Amino acid sequence: ENHKVRIGIFGKDAPGKKDVVIEAVLAPNHAVVGR
């Protein structure tokens, strides 16, 4: 918000006002595990 930087990946801008920020646990035994 304060320094005009981009956080993380897969996004071009900072989270917008209408965006929601969540913390989520990666489900076990799913195909994304190990990637």
ModelCIF file with pLDDT and N, C-alpha, C, O atoms, coordinates in Angstrom:
data_MODEL
#
_entry.id   MODEL 
#
_entity.id                         1 
_entity.type                       polymer 
_entity.pdbx_number_of_molecules   1 
#
_entity_poly.entity_id                      1 
_entity_poly.type                           'polypeptide(L)' 
_entity_poly.nstd_linkage                   no 
_entity_poly.nstd_monomer                   no 
_entity_poly.pdbx_seq_one_letter_code       ENHKVRIGIFGKDAPGKKDVVIEAVLAPNHAVVGR 
_entity_poly.pdbx_seq_one_letter_code_can   ENHKVRIGIFGKDAPGKKDVVIEAVLAPNHAVVGR 
_entity_poly.pdbx_strand_id                 A 
#
loop_
_entity_poly_seq.entity_id 
_entity_poly_seq.num 
_entity_poly_seq.mon_id 
_entity_poly_seq.hetero 
1 1  GLU n 
1 2  ASN n 
1 3  HIS n 
1 4  LYS n 
1 5  VAL n 
1 6  ARG n 
1 7  ILE n 
1 8  GLY n 
1 9  ILE n 
1 10 PHE n 
1 11 GLY n 
1 12 LYS n 
1 13 ASP n 
1 14 ALA n 
1 15 PRO n 
1 16 GLY n 
1 17 LYS n 
1 18 LYS n 
1 19 ASP n 
1 20 VAL n 
1 21 VAL n 
1 22 ILE n 
1 23 GLU n 
1 24 ALA n 
1 25 VAL n 
1 26 LEU n 
1 27 ALA n 
1 28 PRO n 
1 29 ASN n 
1 30 HIS n 
1 31 ALA n 
1 32 VAL n 
1 33 VAL n 
1 34 GLY n 
1 35 ARG n 
#
_struct_asym.id          A 
_struct_asym.entity_id   1 
#
loop_
_ma_qa_metric.id 
_ma_qa_metric.mode 
_ma_qa_metric.name 
_ma_qa_metric.software_group_id 
_ma_qa_metric.type 
1 global pLDDT . pLDDT 
2 local  pLDDT . pLDDT 
#
_ma_qa_metric_global.metric_id      1 
_ma_qa_metric_global.metric_value   67.80 
_ma_qa_metric_global.model_id       1 
_ma_qa_metric_global.ordinal_id     1 
#
loop_
_ma_qa_metric_local.label_asym_id 
_ma_qa_metric_local.label_comp_id 
_ma_qa_metric_local.label_seq_id 
_ma_qa_metric_local.metric_id 
_ma_qa_metric_local.metric_value 
_ma_qa_metric_local.model_id 
_ma_qa_metric_local.ordinal_id 
A GLU 1  2 64.00 1 1  
A ASN 2  2 58.00 1 2  
A HIS 3  2 58.00 1 3  
A LYS 4  2 68.00 1 4  
A VAL 5  2 78.00 1 5  
A ARG 6  2 82.00 1 6  
A ILE 7  2 84.00 1 7  
A GLY 8  2 83.00 1 8  
A ILE 9  2 79.00 1 9  
A PHE 10 2 65.00 1 10 
A GLY 11 2 55.00 1 11 
A LYS 12 2 52.00 1 12 
A ASP 13 2 52.00 1 13 
A ALA 14 2 49.00 1 14 
A PRO 15 2 55.00 1 15 
A GLY 16 2 55.00 1 16 
A LYS 17 2 52.00 1 17 
A LYS 18 2 59.00 1 18 
A ASP 19 2 72.00 1 19 
A VAL 20 2 75.00 1 20 
A VAL 21 2 78.00 1 21 
A ILE 22 2 80.00 1 22 
A GLU 23 2 80.00 1 23 
A ALA 24 2 78.00 1 24 
A VAL 25 2 79.00 1 25 
A LEU 26 2 76.00 1 26 
A ALA 27 2 71.00 1 27 
A PRO 28 2 67.00 1 28 
A ASN 29 2 54.00 1 29 
A HIS 30 2 58.00 1 30 
A ALA 31 2 60.00 1 31 
A VAL 32 2 70.00 1 32 
A VAL 33 2 73.00 1 33 
A GLY 34 2 76.00 1 34 
A ARG 35 2 78.00 1 35 
#
loop_
_atom_site.group_PDB 
_atom_site.id 
_atom_site.type_symbol 
_atom_site.label_atom_id 
_atom_site.label_alt_id 
_atom_site.label_comp_id 
_atom_site.label_asym_id 
_atom_site.label_entity_id 
_atom_site.label_seq_id 
_atom_site.pdbx_PDB_ins_code 
_atom_site.Cartn_x 
_atom_site.Cartn_y 
_atom_site.Cartn_z 
_atom_site.occupancy 
_atom_site.B_iso_or_equiv 
_atom_site.pdbx_formal_charge 
_atom_site.auth_seq_id 
_atom_site.auth_comp_id 
_atom_site.auth_asym_id 
_atom_site.auth_atom_id 
_atom_site.pdbx_PDB_model_num 
ATOM 1   N N  . GLU A 1 1  ? 0.809   -1.215  0.000   1.00 64.00 ? 1  GLU A N  1 
ATOM 2   C CA . GLU A 1 1  ? 0.000   0.000   0.000   1.00 64.00 ? 1  GLU A CA 1 
ATOM 3   C C  . GLU A 1 1  ? 0.840   1.263   0.000   1.00 64.00 ? 1  GLU A C  1 
ATOM 4   O O  . GLU A 1 1  ? 0.477   2.243   -0.649  1.00 64.00 ? 1  GLU A O  1 
ATOM 5   N N  . ASN A 1 2  ? 1.960   1.258   0.718   1.00 58.00 ? 2  ASN A N  1 
ATOM 6   C CA . ASN A 1 2  ? 2.702   2.498   0.954   1.00 58.00 ? 2  ASN A CA 1 
ATOM 7   C C  . ASN A 1 2  ? 3.887   2.743   0.035   1.00 58.00 ? 2  ASN A C  1 
ATOM 8   O O  . ASN A 1 2  ? 4.336   3.880   -0.110  1.00 58.00 ? 2  ASN A O  1 
ATOM 9   N N  . HIS A 1 3  ? 4.392   1.697   -0.580  1.00 58.00 ? 3  HIS A N  1 
ATOM 10  C CA . HIS A 1 3  ? 5.669   1.876   -1.277  1.00 58.00 ? 3  HIS A CA 1 
ATOM 11  C C  . HIS A 1 3  ? 5.600   1.552   -2.763  1.00 58.00 ? 3  HIS A C  1 
ATOM 12  O O  . HIS A 1 3  ? 6.636   1.502   -3.426  1.00 58.00 ? 3  HIS A O  1 
ATOM 13  N N  . LYS A 1 4  ? 4.403   1.331   -3.302  1.00 68.00 ? 4  LYS A N  1 
ATOM 14  C CA . LYS A 1 4  ? 4.236   1.074   -4.733  1.00 68.00 ? 4  LYS A CA 1 
ATOM 15  C C  . LYS A 1 4  ? 5.116   -0.083  -5.197  1.00 68.00 ? 4  LYS A C  1 
ATOM 16  O O  . LYS A 1 4  ? 5.868   0.026   -6.166  1.00 68.00 ? 4  LYS A O  1 
ATOM 17  N N  . VAL A 1 5  ? 4.999   -1.163  -4.492  1.00 78.00 ? 5  VAL A N  1 
ATOM 18  C CA . VAL A 1 5  ? 5.704   -2.383  -4.867  1.00 78.00 ? 5  VAL A CA 1 
ATOM 19  C C  . VAL A 1 5  ? 4.673   -3.488  -5.080  1.00 78.00 ? 5  VAL A C  1 
ATOM 20  O O  . VAL A 1 5  ? 3.529   -3.371  -4.641  1.00 78.00 ? 5  VAL A O  1 
ATOM 21  N N  . ARG A 1 6  ? 5.073   -4.534  -5.737  1.00 82.00 ? 6  ARG A N  1 
ATOM 22  C CA . ARG A 1 6  ? 4.186   -5.679  -5.938  1.00 82.00 ? 6  ARG A CA 1 
ATOM 23  C C  . ARG A 1 6  ? 4.628   -6.807  -5.016  1.00 82.00 ? 6  ARG A C  1 
ATOM 24  O O  . ARG A 1 6  ? 5.816   -7.112  -4.919  1.00 82.00 ? 6  ARG A O  1 
ATOM 25  N N  . ILE A 1 7  ? 3.664   -7.422  -4.342  1.00 84.00 ? 7  ILE A N  1 
ATOM 26  C CA . ILE A 1 7  ? 3.947   -8.486  -3.386  1.00 84.00 ? 7  ILE A CA 1 
ATOM 27  C C  . ILE A 1 7  ? 3.599   -9.831  -4.012  1.00 84.00 ? 7  ILE A C  1 
ATOM 28  O O  . ILE A 1 7  ? 2.532   -9.982  -4.607  1.00 84.00 ? 7  ILE A O  1 
ATOM 29  N N  . GLY A 1 8  ? 4.484   -10.800 -3.885  1.00 83.00 ? 8  GLY A N  1 
ATOM 30  C CA . GLY A 1 8  ? 4.194   -12.154 -4.339  1.00 83.00 ? 8  GLY A CA 1 
ATOM 31  C C  . GLY A 1 8  ? 4.211   -12.283 -5.841  1.00 83.00 ? 8  GLY A C  1 
ATOM 32  O O  . GLY A 1 8  ? 4.911   -11.546 -6.536  1.00 83.00 ? 8  GLY A O  1 
ATOM 33  N N  . ILE A 1 9  ? 3.414   -13.251 -6.347  1.00 79.00 ? 9  ILE A N  1 
ATOM 34  C CA . ILE A 1 9  ? 3.399   -13.512 -7.785  1.00 79.00 ? 9  ILE A CA 1 
ATOM 35  C C  . ILE A 1 9  ? 1.955   -13.640 -8.265  1.00 79.00 ? 9  ILE A C  1 
ATOM 36  O O  . ILE A 1 9  ? 1.019   -13.667 -7.466  1.00 79.00 ? 9  ILE A O  1 
ATOM 37  N N  . PHE A 1 10 ? 1.797   -13.718 -9.586  1.00 65.00 ? 10 PHE A N  1 
ATOM 38  C CA . PHE A 1 10 ? 0.508   -13.847 -10.258 1.00 65.00 ? 10 PHE A CA 1 
ATOM 39  C C  . PHE A 1 10 ? -0.355  -12.597 -10.115 1.00 65.00 ? 10 PHE A C  1 
ATOM 40  O O  . PHE A 1 10 ? -1.574  -12.677 -10.268 1.00 65.00 ? 10 PHE A O  1 
ATOM 41  N N  . GLY A 1 11 ? 0.232   -11.479 -9.834  1.00 55.00 ? 11 GLY A N  1 
ATOM 42  C CA . GLY A 1 11 ? -0.542  -10.239 -9.745  1.00 55.00 ? 11 GLY A CA 1 
ATOM 43  C C  . GLY A 1 11 ? 0.280   -9.077  -10.264 1.00 55.00 ? 11 GLY A C  1 
ATOM 44  O O  . GLY A 1 11 ? 1.494   -9.030  -10.061 1.00 55.00 ? 11 GLY A O  1 
ATOM 45  N N  . LYS A 1 12 ? -0.382  -8.124  -10.943 1.00 52.00 ? 12 LYS A N  1 
ATOM 46  C CA . LYS A 1 12 ? 0.336   -6.985  -11.503 1.00 52.00 ? 12 LYS A CA 1 
ATOM 47  C C  . LYS A 1 12 ? 0.342   -5.789  -10.555 1.00 52.00 ? 12 LYS A C  1 
ATOM 48  O O  . LYS A 1 12 ? 1.236   -4.946  -10.623 1.00 52.00 ? 12 LYS A O  1 
ATOM 49  N N  . ASP A 1 13 ? -0.631  -5.714  -9.691  1.00 52.00 ? 13 ASP A N  1 
ATOM 50  C CA . ASP A 1 13 ? -0.766  -4.553  -8.812  1.00 52.00 ? 13 ASP A CA 1 
ATOM 51  C C  . ASP A 1 13 ? -0.973  -5.004  -7.375  1.00 52.00 ? 13 ASP A C  1 
ATOM 52  O O  . ASP A 1 13 ? -1.102  -6.193  -7.085  1.00 52.00 ? 13 ASP A O  1 
ATOM 53  N N  . ALA A 1 14 ? -1.002  -4.015  -6.483  1.00 49.00 ? 14 ALA A N  1 
ATOM 54  C CA . ALA A 1 14 ? -1.336  -4.310  -5.090  1.00 49.00 ? 14 ALA A CA 1 
ATOM 55  C C  . ALA A 1 14 ? -2.798  -4.716  -5.004  1.00 49.00 ? 14 ALA A C  1 
ATOM 56  O O  . ALA A 1 14 ? -3.591  -4.341  -5.868  1.00 49.00 ? 14 ALA A O  1 
ATOM 57  N N  . PRO A 1 15 ? -3.171  -5.477  -3.976  1.00 55.00 ? 15 PRO A N  1 
ATOM 58  C CA . PRO A 1 15 ? -4.590  -5.847  -3.806  1.00 55.00 ? 15 PRO A CA 1 
ATOM 59  C C  . PRO A 1 15 ? -5.479  -4.611  -3.784  1.00 55.00 ? 15 PRO A C  1 
ATOM 60  O O  . PRO A 1 15 ? -5.184  -3.642  -3.084  1.00 55.00 ? 15 PRO A O  1 
ATOM 61  N N  . GLY A 1 16 ? -6.576  -4.644  -4.557  1.00 55.00 ? 16 GLY A N  1 
ATOM 62  C CA . GLY A 1 16 ? -7.479  -3.515  -4.654  1.00 55.00 ? 16 GLY A CA 1 
ATOM 63  C C  . GLY A 1 16 ? -8.414  -3.425  -3.458  1.00 55.00 ? 16 GLY A C  1 
ATOM 64  O O  . GLY A 1 16 ? -8.433  -4.301  -2.593  1.00 55.00 ? 16 GLY A O  1 
ATOM 65  N N  . LYS A 1 17 ? -9.192  -2.343  -3.428  1.00 52.00 ? 17 LYS A N  1 
ATOM 66  C CA . LYS A 1 17 ? -10.096 -2.121  -2.304  1.00 52.00 ? 17 LYS A CA 1 
ATOM 67  C C  . LYS A 1 17 ? -11.175 -3.195  -2.219  1.00 52.00 ? 17 LYS A C  1 
ATOM 68  O O  . LYS A 1 17 ? -11.647 -3.527  -1.132  1.00 52.00 ? 17 LYS A O  1 
ATOM 69  N N  . LYS A 1 18 ? -11.559 -3.736  -3.375  1.00 59.00 ? 18 LYS A N  1 
ATOM 70  C CA . LYS A 1 18 ? -12.606 -4.757  -3.395  1.00 59.00 ? 18 LYS A CA 1 
ATOM 71  C C  . LYS A 1 18 ? -12.045 -6.174  -3.236  1.00 59.00 ? 18 LYS A C  1 
ATOM 72  O O  . LYS A 1 18 ? -12.805 -7.142  -3.206  1.00 59.00 ? 18 LYS A O  1 
ATOM 73  N N  . ASP A 1 19 ? -10.734 -6.295  -3.133  1.00 72.00 ? 19 ASP A N  1 
ATOM 74  C CA . ASP A 1 19 ? -10.116 -7.609  -2.964  1.00 72.00 ? 19 ASP A CA 1 
ATOM 75  C C  . ASP A 1 19 ? -10.211 -8.054  -1.511  1.00 72.00 ? 19 ASP A C  1 
ATOM 76  O O  . ASP A 1 19 ? -10.263 -7.237  -0.592  1.00 72.00 ? 19 ASP A O  1 
ATOM 77  N N  . VAL A 1 20 ? -10.232 -9.360  -1.330  1.00 75.00 ? 20 VAL A N  1 
ATOM 78  C CA . VAL A 1 20 ? -10.242 -9.961  -0.006  1.00 75.00 ? 20 VAL A CA 1 
ATOM 79  C C  . VAL A 1 20 ? -8.923  -10.696 0.181   1.00 75.00 ? 20 VAL A C  1 
ATOM 80  O O  . VAL A 1 20 ? -8.441  -11.355 -0.741  1.00 75.00 ? 20 VAL A O  1 
ATOM 81  N N  . VAL A 1 21 ? -8.339  -10.588 1.362   1.00 78.00 ? 21 VAL A N  1 
ATOM 82  C CA . VAL A 1 21 ? -7.102  -11.297 1.672   1.00 78.00 ? 21 VAL A CA 1 
ATOM 83  C C  . VAL A 1 21 ? -7.433  -12.436 2.634   1.00 78.00 ? 21 VAL A C  1 
ATOM 84  O O  . VAL A 1 21 ? -8.052  -12.211 3.674   1.00 78.00 ? 21 VAL A O  1 
ATOM 85  N N  . ILE A 1 22 ? -7.027  -13.641 2.294   1.00 80.00 ? 22 ILE A N  1 
ATOM 86  C CA . ILE A 1 22 ? -7.301  -14.795 3.145   1.00 80.00 ? 22 ILE A CA 1 
ATOM 87  C C  . ILE A 1 22 ? -6.021  -15.579 3.381   1.00 80.00 ? 22 ILE A C  1 
ATOM 88  O O  . ILE A 1 22 ? -5.077  -15.516 2.593   1.00 80.00 ? 22 ILE A O  1 
ATOM 89  N N  . GLU A 1 23 ? -6.012  -16.313 4.474   1.00 80.00 ? 23 GLU A N  1 
ATOM 90  C CA . GLU A 1 23 ? -4.978  -17.309 4.721   1.00 80.00 ? 23 GLU A CA 1 
ATOM 91  C C  . GLU A 1 23 ? -5.628  -18.673 4.569   1.00 80.00 ? 23 GLU A C  1 
ATOM 92  O O  . GLU A 1 23 ? -6.643  -18.951 5.208   1.00 80.00 ? 23 GLU A O  1 
ATOM 93  N N  . ALA A 1 24 ? -5.061  -19.515 3.738   1.00 78.00 ? 24 ALA A N  1 
ATOM 94  C CA . ALA A 1 24 ? -5.692  -20.798 3.426   1.00 78.00 ? 24 ALA A CA 1 
ATOM 95  C C  . ALA A 1 24 ? -4.668  -21.914 3.519   1.00 78.00 ? 24 ALA A C  1 
ATOM 96  O O  . ALA A 1 24 ? -3.504  -21.732 3.163   1.00 78.00 ? 24 ALA A O  1 
ATOM 97  N N  . VAL A 1 25 ? -5.102  -23.062 3.993   1.00 79.00 ? 25 VAL A N  1 
ATOM 98  C CA . VAL A 1 25 ? -4.237  -24.228 4.135   1.00 79.00 ? 25 VAL A CA 1 
ATOM 99  C C  . VAL A 1 25 ? -4.320  -25.071 2.876   1.00 79.00 ? 25 VAL A C  1 
ATOM 100 O O  . VAL A 1 25 ? -5.409  -25.319 2.359   1.00 79.00 ? 25 VAL A O  1 
ATOM 101 N N  . LEU A 1 26 ? -3.173  -25.510 2.385   1.00 76.00 ? 26 LEU A N  1 
ATOM 102 C CA . LEU A 1 26 ? -3.135  -26.373 1.210   1.00 76.00 ? 26 LEU A CA 1 
ATOM 103 C C  . LEU A 1 26 ? -3.671  -27.744 1.585   1.00 76.00 ? 26 LEU A C  1 
ATOM 104 O O  . LEU A 1 26 ? -3.148  -28.393 2.490   1.00 76.00 ? 26 LEU A O  1 
ATOM 105 N N  . ALA A 1 27 ? -4.712  -28.187 0.891   1.00 71.00 ? 27 ALA A N  1 
ATOM 106 C CA . ALA A 1 27 ? -5.331  -29.471 1.195   1.00 71.00 ? 27 ALA A CA 1 
ATOM 107 C C  . ALA A 1 27 ? -4.341  -30.611 0.969   1.00 71.00 ? 27 ALA A C  1 
ATOM 108 O O  . ALA A 1 27 ? -3.580  -30.574 0.002   1.00 71.00 ? 27 ALA A O  1 
ATOM 109 N N  . PRO A 1 28 ? -4.334  -31.630 1.846   1.00 67.00 ? 28 PRO A N  1 
ATOM 110 C CA . PRO A 1 28 ? -3.392  -32.736 1.679   1.00 67.00 ? 28 PRO A CA 1 
ATOM 111 C C  . PRO A 1 28 ? -3.756  -33.621 0.498   1.00 67.00 ? 28 PRO A C  1 
ATOM 112 O O  . PRO A 1 28 ? -4.916  -33.702 0.093   1.00 67.00 ? 28 PRO A O  1 
ATOM 113 N N  . ASN A 1 29 ? -2.726  -34.292 -0.054  1.00 54.00 ? 29 ASN A N  1 
ATOM 114 C CA . ASN A 1 29 ? -2.918  -35.267 -1.130  1.00 54.00 ? 29 ASN A CA 1 
ATOM 115 C C  . ASN A 1 29 ? -3.539  -34.671 -2.383  1.00 54.00 ? 29 ASN A C  1 
ATOM 116 O O  . ASN A 1 29 ? -4.192  -35.380 -3.148  1.00 54.00 ? 29 ASN A O  1 
ATOM 117 N N  . HIS A 1 30 ? -3.345  -33.397 -2.597  1.00 58.00 ? 30 HIS A N  1 
ATOM 118 C CA . HIS A 1 30 ? -3.865  -32.808 -3.821  1.00 58.00 ? 30 HIS A CA 1 
ATOM 119 C C  . HIS A 1 30 ? -2.767  -32.753 -4.877  1.00 58.00 ? 30 HIS A C  1 
ATOM 120 O O  . HIS A 1 30 ? -1.581  -32.843 -4.562  1.00 58.00 ? 30 HIS A O  1 
ATOM 121 N N  . ALA A 1 31 ? -3.177  -32.604 -6.120  1.00 60.00 ? 31 ALA A N  1 
ATOM 122 C CA . ALA A 1 31 ? -2.220  -32.659 -7.232  1.00 60.00 ? 31 ALA A CA 1 
ATOM 123 C C  . ALA A 1 31 ? -1.181  -31.541 -7.182  1.00 60.00 ? 31 ALA A C  1 
ATOM 124 O O  . ALA A 1 31 ? -0.116  -31.682 -7.783  1.00 60.00 ? 31 ALA A O  1 
ATOM 125 N N  . VAL A 1 32 ? -1.456  -30.426 -6.482  1.00 70.00 ? 32 VAL A N  1 
ATOM 126 C CA . VAL A 1 32 ? -0.495  -29.322 -6.450  1.00 70.00 ? 32 VAL A CA 1 
ATOM 127 C C  . VAL A 1 32 ? 0.656   -29.581 -5.485  1.00 70.00 ? 32 VAL A C  1 
ATOM 128 O O  . VAL A 1 32 ? 1.681   -28.904 -5.552  1.00 70.00 ? 32 VAL A O  1 
ATOM 129 N N  . VAL A 1 33 ? 0.500   -30.547 -4.595  1.00 73.00 ? 33 VAL A N  1 
ATOM 130 C CA . VAL A 1 33 ? 1.552   -30.829 -3.625  1.00 73.00 ? 33 VAL A CA 1 
ATOM 131 C C  . VAL A 1 33 ? 2.798   -31.303 -4.359  1.00 73.00 ? 33 VAL A C  1 
ATOM 132 O O  . VAL A 1 33 ? 2.732   -32.185 -5.216  1.00 73.00 ? 33 VAL A O  1 
ATOM 133 N N  . GLY A 1 34 ? 3.935   -30.707 -4.014  1.00 76.00 ? 34 GLY A N  1 
ATOM 134 C CA . GLY A 1 34 ? 5.191   -31.064 -4.653  1.00 76.00 ? 34 GLY A CA 1 
ATOM 135 C C  . GLY A 1 34 ? 5.535   -30.182 -5.841  1.00 76.00 ? 34 GLY A C  1 
ATOM 136 O O  . GLY A 1 34 ? 6.655   -30.243 -6.348  1.00 76.00 ? 34 GLY A O  1 
ATOM 137 N N  . ARG A 1 35 ? 4.588   -29.360 -6.295  1.00 78.00 ? 35 ARG A N  1 
ATOM 138 C CA . ARG A 1 35 ? 4.859   -28.476 -7.435  1.00 78.00 ? 35 ARG A CA 1 
ATOM 139 C C  . ARG A 1 35 ? 5.431   -27.148 -6.955  1.00 78.00 ? 35 ARG A C  1 
ATOM 140 O O  . ARG A 1 35 ? 5.724   -26.272 -7.768  1.00 78.00 ? 35 ARG A O  1 
#
